[in-house]
Amino acid sequence: MRSKLYLIAFLIVFAVFGAANYYSYARMPKNDWGLCDDCFISFGFPFAVWIAGGFAGTRSFLWYGIIGDLAIAILCGIVLGWVLSKVLSRGATLETRGPNTGAA
């Protein structure tokens, strides 16, 4: 049961981070590339994972940003899995304990 919770937590976190990165990509100003010869644009959440621009027109992936995003997503997945396991295990112990049968 515990490994399933962590798998679900990782899937949730990676879906949220994937959606956030796509949102960052979709909001990237694609039409402004021709207006400024030495400007840079990038996208990524929470770190930039791709950059383009400059006078020479470079385009490249930012590997430190990709590694940082993955590290944060893994850490968030671990934390969410731990929280889910604590919350659901507490709920299970409350259900198994049943009503208060002790003397008043």
N, C-alpha and C. Protein backbone atom coordinates (compact mmCIF):
# COMPACT_ATOMS: atom_id res chain seq x y z
N MET A 1 0.83 -1.20 0.00
CA MET A 1 0.00 0.00 0.00
C MET A 1 0.86 1.25 0.00
N ARG A 2 1.96 1.20 0.76
CA ARG A 2 2.80 2.39 0.89
C ARG A 2 3.48 2.75 -0.42
N SER A 3 3.95 1.75 -1.16
CA SER A 3 4.61 2.05 -2.43
C SER A 3 3.62 2.60 -3.46
N LYS A 4 2.37 2.15 -3.38
CA LYS A 4 1.34 2.69 -4.29
C LYS A 4 1.09 4.16 -4.00
N LEU A 5 1.12 4.54 -2.72
CA LEU A 5 0.92 5.95 -2.37
C LEU A 5 2.04 6.81 -2.92
N TYR A 6 3.27 6.32 -2.81
CA TYR A 6 4.40 7.08 -3.35
C TYR A 6 4.33 7.15 -4.87
N LEU A 7 3.91 6.08 -5.52
CA LEU A 7 3.75 6.11 -6.98
C LEU A 7 2.68 7.12 -7.39
N ILE A 8 1.57 7.12 -6.68
CA ILE A 8 0.50 8.09 -6.97
C ILE A 8 1.00 9.51 -6.72
N ALA A 9 1.76 9.71 -5.64
CA ALA A 9 2.30 11.04 -5.34
C ALA A 9 3.24 11.50 -6.45
N PHE A 10 4.13 10.61 -6.92
CA PHE A 10 5.04 10.97 -8.00
C PHE A 10 4.29 11.30 -9.28
N LEU A 11 3.27 10.54 -9.59
CA LEU A 11 2.49 10.82 -10.80
C LEU A 11 1.78 12.18 -10.70
N ILE A 12 1.23 12.48 -9.54
CA ILE A 12 0.57 13.77 -9.35
C ILE A 12 1.57 14.91 -9.49
N VAL A 13 2.72 14.79 -8.82
CA VAL A 13 3.72 15.86 -8.85
C VAL A 13 4.27 16.06 -10.25
N PHE A 14 4.59 14.96 -10.95
CA PHE A 14 5.14 15.12 -12.29
C PHE A 14 4.09 15.65 -13.27
N ALA A 15 2.83 15.32 -13.07
CA ALA A 15 1.78 15.89 -13.92
C ALA A 15 1.65 17.39 -13.68
N VAL A 16 1.70 17.81 -12.41
CA VAL A 16 1.60 19.24 -12.09
C VAL A 16 2.81 20.00 -12.64
N PHE A 17 4.01 19.46 -12.45
CA PHE A 17 5.19 20.14 -12.96
C PHE A 17 5.21 20.15 -14.49
N GLY A 18 4.74 19.07 -15.11
CA GLY A 18 4.65 19.05 -16.58
C GLY A 18 3.67 20.09 -17.09
N ALA A 19 2.53 20.22 -16.43
CA ALA A 19 1.55 21.23 -16.82
C ALA A 19 2.09 22.64 -16.61
N ALA A 20 2.83 22.84 -15.52
CA ALA A 20 3.41 24.16 -15.26
C ALA A 20 4.47 24.51 -16.31
N ASN A 21 5.28 23.54 -16.72
CA ASN A 21 6.27 23.79 -17.76
C ASN A 21 5.61 24.06 -19.11
N TYR A 22 4.54 23.34 -19.42
CA TYR A 22 3.82 23.60 -20.66
C TYR A 22 3.18 24.99 -20.64
N TYR A 23 2.62 25.37 -19.49
CA TYR A 23 2.03 26.71 -19.36
C TYR A 23 3.11 27.78 -19.56
N SER A 24 4.29 27.55 -19.00
CA SER A 24 5.39 28.49 -19.19
C SER A 24 5.79 28.58 -20.67
N TYR A 25 5.81 27.43 -21.35
CA TYR A 25 6.13 27.41 -22.78
C TYR A 25 5.05 28.13 -23.59
N ALA A 26 3.79 27.91 -23.25
CA ALA A 26 2.69 28.51 -24.01
C ALA A 26 2.67 30.03 -23.84
N ARG A 27 3.11 30.53 -22.69
CA ARG A 27 3.11 31.98 -22.46
C ARG A 27 4.39 32.65 -22.94
N MET A 28 5.32 31.88 -23.49
CA MET A 28 6.57 32.44 -23.99
C MET A 28 6.27 33.35 -25.19
N PRO A 29 6.81 34.56 -25.22
CA PRO A 29 6.50 35.51 -26.31
C PRO A 29 7.19 35.11 -27.61
N LYS A 30 6.52 34.32 -28.43
CA LYS A 30 7.10 33.85 -29.68
C LYS A 30 7.15 34.93 -30.76
N ASN A 31 6.24 35.89 -30.71
CA ASN A 31 6.16 36.91 -31.75
C ASN A 31 7.17 38.04 -31.56
N ASP A 32 7.79 38.15 -30.39
CA ASP A 32 8.71 39.25 -30.13
C ASP A 32 10.15 38.95 -30.53
N TRP A 33 10.41 37.80 -31.14
CA TRP A 33 11.78 37.46 -31.49
C TRP A 33 12.37 38.43 -32.50
N GLY A 34 11.58 38.91 -33.41
CA GLY A 34 12.09 39.79 -34.44
C GLY A 34 12.21 41.25 -34.01
N LEU A 35 11.68 41.63 -32.86
CA LEU A 35 11.69 43.01 -32.43
C LEU A 35 12.98 43.42 -31.72
N CYS A 36 13.72 42.47 -31.20
CA CYS A 36 14.92 42.78 -30.44
C CYS A 36 16.02 41.81 -30.84
N ASP A 37 17.13 42.34 -31.37
CA ASP A 37 18.19 41.47 -31.87
C ASP A 37 19.01 40.81 -30.76
N ASP A 38 19.10 41.43 -29.62
CA ASP A 38 19.95 40.85 -28.58
C ASP A 38 19.17 40.48 -27.31
N CYS A 39 17.88 40.21 -27.44
CA CYS A 39 17.07 39.80 -26.29
C CYS A 39 17.10 38.27 -26.16
N PHE A 40 16.85 37.80 -24.97
CA PHE A 40 16.76 36.37 -24.71
C PHE A 40 15.38 36.05 -24.18
N ILE A 41 14.85 34.89 -24.56
CA ILE A 41 13.60 34.39 -24.00
C ILE A 41 13.85 32.98 -23.50
N SER A 42 13.11 32.59 -22.48
CA SER A 42 13.27 31.26 -21.93
C SER A 42 11.94 30.79 -21.37
N PHE A 43 11.87 29.49 -21.10
CA PHE A 43 10.71 28.95 -20.42
C PHE A 43 11.15 27.85 -19.49
N GLY A 44 10.28 27.53 -18.54
CA GLY A 44 10.53 26.48 -17.57
C GLY A 44 10.00 26.86 -16.22
N PHE A 45 9.63 25.84 -15.43
CA PHE A 45 9.16 26.07 -14.08
C PHE A 45 9.73 24.99 -13.18
N PRO A 46 10.31 25.29 -12.08
CA PRO A 46 10.64 26.58 -11.49
C PRO A 46 11.92 27.18 -12.07
N PHE A 47 12.75 26.36 -12.73
CA PHE A 47 13.95 26.88 -13.37
C PHE A 47 13.77 26.87 -14.88
N ALA A 48 14.48 27.76 -15.55
CA ALA A 48 14.42 27.79 -17.02
C ALA A 48 15.08 26.54 -17.58
N VAL A 49 14.43 25.90 -18.55
CA VAL A 49 14.97 24.68 -19.15
C VAL A 49 15.37 24.88 -20.62
N TRP A 50 15.00 26.01 -21.21
CA TRP A 50 15.34 26.29 -22.60
C TRP A 50 15.48 27.78 -22.77
N ILE A 51 16.43 28.20 -23.60
CA ILE A 51 16.67 29.62 -23.84
C ILE A 51 16.96 29.83 -25.31
N ALA A 52 16.53 30.96 -25.82
CA ALA A 52 16.80 31.32 -27.21
C ALA A 52 16.99 32.82 -27.28
N GLY A 53 17.72 33.23 -28.30
CA GLY A 53 17.89 34.66 -28.53
C GLY A 53 19.34 35.06 -28.65
N GLY A 54 19.57 36.33 -28.43
CA GLY A 54 20.90 36.88 -28.58
C GLY A 54 21.15 37.32 -30.01
N PHE A 55 22.23 38.04 -30.22
CA PHE A 55 22.53 38.55 -31.55
C PHE A 55 22.83 37.42 -32.53
N ALA A 56 23.46 36.36 -32.05
CA ALA A 56 23.79 35.23 -32.92
C ALA A 56 22.64 34.25 -33.06
N GLY A 57 21.62 34.39 -32.25
CA GLY A 57 20.45 33.53 -32.36
C GLY A 57 20.64 32.14 -31.78
N THR A 58 21.24 32.06 -30.62
CA THR A 58 21.46 30.74 -30.01
C THR A 58 20.16 30.16 -29.48
N ARG A 59 20.09 28.85 -29.47
CA ARG A 59 18.97 28.11 -28.89
C ARG A 59 19.55 26.88 -28.22
N SER A 60 19.24 26.71 -26.94
CA SER A 60 19.81 25.55 -26.26
C SER A 60 18.99 25.18 -25.04
N PHE A 61 19.15 23.91 -24.66
CA PHE A 61 18.57 23.43 -23.40
C PHE A 61 19.49 23.82 -22.27
N LEU A 62 18.92 24.13 -21.13
CA LEU A 62 19.68 24.46 -19.94
C LEU A 62 19.65 23.24 -19.03
N TRP A 63 20.72 22.45 -19.09
CA TRP A 63 20.74 21.17 -18.39
C TRP A 63 20.68 21.34 -16.88
N TYR A 64 21.28 22.41 -16.36
CA TYR A 64 21.18 22.64 -14.91
C TYR A 64 19.74 22.91 -14.51
N GLY A 65 19.00 23.58 -15.35
CA GLY A 65 17.58 23.82 -15.07
C GLY A 65 16.77 22.53 -15.12
N ILE A 66 17.07 21.66 -16.09
CA ILE A 66 16.36 20.38 -16.20
C ILE A 66 16.66 19.51 -14.98
N ILE A 67 17.93 19.44 -14.58
CA ILE A 67 18.31 18.65 -13.42
C ILE A 67 17.70 19.24 -12.15
N GLY A 68 17.70 20.56 -12.03
CA GLY A 68 17.08 21.20 -10.86
C GLY A 68 15.59 20.96 -10.80
N ASP A 69 14.91 21.05 -11.94
CA ASP A 69 13.47 20.78 -11.97
C ASP A 69 13.17 19.34 -11.57
N LEU A 70 13.96 18.39 -12.09
CA LEU A 70 13.75 16.99 -11.74
C LEU A 70 14.00 16.75 -10.25
N ALA A 71 15.05 17.37 -9.72
CA ALA A 71 15.37 17.20 -8.29
C ALA A 71 14.24 17.73 -7.42
N ILE A 72 13.71 18.89 -7.77
CA ILE A 72 12.62 19.47 -6.99
C ILE A 72 11.35 18.62 -7.13
N ALA A 73 11.08 18.11 -8.32
CA ALA A 73 9.90 17.27 -8.52
C ALA A 73 10.02 15.98 -7.73
N ILE A 74 11.21 15.38 -7.70
CA ILE A 74 11.40 14.15 -6.92
C ILE A 74 11.23 14.44 -5.44
N LEU A 75 11.81 15.53 -4.97
CA LEU A 75 11.66 15.89 -3.56
C LEU A 75 10.20 16.14 -3.20
N CYS A 76 9.48 16.86 -4.06
CA CYS A 76 8.06 17.10 -3.81
C CYS A 76 7.26 15.81 -3.84
N GLY A 77 7.63 14.87 -4.72
CA GLY A 77 6.96 13.58 -4.76
C GLY A 77 7.17 12.78 -3.49
N ILE A 78 8.39 12.82 -2.96
CA ILE A 78 8.68 12.13 -1.71
C ILE A 78 7.89 12.75 -0.56
N VAL A 79 7.88 14.07 -0.49
CA VAL A 79 7.14 14.75 0.58
C VAL A 79 5.64 14.46 0.47
N LEU A 80 5.09 14.54 -0.73
CA LEU A 80 3.66 14.28 -0.90
C LEU A 80 3.34 12.83 -0.57
N GLY A 81 4.19 11.90 -0.97
CA GLY A 81 3.98 10.50 -0.63
C GLY A 81 4.02 10.28 0.87
N TRP A 82 4.94 10.93 1.56
CA TRP A 82 5.02 10.81 3.02
C TRP A 82 3.77 11.38 3.68
N VAL A 83 3.33 12.55 3.20
CA VAL A 83 2.11 13.17 3.76
C VAL A 83 0.90 12.27 3.52
N LEU A 84 0.78 11.73 2.31
CA LEU A 84 -0.35 10.84 2.02
C LEU A 84 -0.31 9.60 2.90
N SER A 85 0.87 9.04 3.10
CA SER A 85 0.96 7.84 3.93
C SER A 85 0.60 8.14 5.38
N LYS A 86 1.01 9.30 5.88
CA LYS A 86 0.66 9.67 7.26
C LYS A 86 -0.83 9.94 7.41
N VAL A 87 -1.40 10.67 6.46
CA VAL A 87 -2.83 11.01 6.54
C VAL A 87 -3.68 9.76 6.40
N LEU A 88 -3.36 8.91 5.44
CA LEU A 88 -4.19 7.72 5.22
C LEU A 88 -3.98 6.67 6.30
N SER A 89 -2.78 6.58 6.86
CA SER A 89 -2.57 5.62 7.94
C SER A 89 -3.27 6.08 9.22
N ARG A 90 -3.33 7.37 9.44
CA ARG A 90 -4.05 7.90 10.60
C ARG A 90 -5.54 7.64 10.45
N GLY A 91 -6.06 7.84 9.25
CA GLY A 91 -7.47 7.55 8.99
C GLY A 91 -7.78 6.08 9.18
N ALA A 92 -6.85 5.20 8.80
CA ALA A 92 -7.06 3.76 8.95
C ALA A 92 -7.07 3.38 10.42
N THR A 93 -6.19 3.98 11.22
CA THR A 93 -6.17 3.64 12.64
C THR A 93 -7.40 4.17 13.34
N LEU A 94 -7.93 5.30 12.91
CA LEU A 94 -9.16 5.81 13.52
C LEU A 94 -10.34 4.92 13.19
N GLU A 95 -10.36 4.37 11.97
CA GLU A 95 -11.46 3.50 11.57
C GLU A 95 -11.39 2.16 12.29
N THR A 96 -10.20 1.61 12.49
CA THR A 96 -10.08 0.32 13.14
C THR A 96 -10.30 0.40 14.64
N ARG A 97 -10.07 1.54 15.20
CA ARG A 97 -10.24 1.71 16.63
C ARG A 97 -11.72 1.66 17.01
N GLY A 98 -12.55 2.18 16.15
CA GLY A 98 -13.99 2.12 16.38
C GLY A 98 -14.44 3.15 17.41
N PRO A 99 -15.68 3.03 17.86
CA PRO A 99 -16.20 3.99 18.82
C PRO A 99 -15.51 3.82 20.16
N ASN A 100 -15.61 4.83 20.95
CA ASN A 100 -14.97 4.84 22.26
C ASN A 100 -15.71 3.85 23.16
N THR A 101 -15.02 2.77 23.54
CA THR A 101 -15.64 1.75 24.38
C THR A 101 -15.13 1.78 25.80
N GLY A 102 -14.29 2.77 26.11
CA GLY A 102 -13.75 2.86 27.46
C GLY A 102 -14.78 3.37 28.44
N ALA A 103 -14.51 3.13 29.71
CA ALA A 103 -15.41 3.60 30.76
C ALA A 103 -15.25 5.09 30.98
N ALA A 104 -16.34 5.75 31.33
CA ALA A 104 -16.31 7.19 31.50
C ALA A 104 -15.78 7.59 32.80
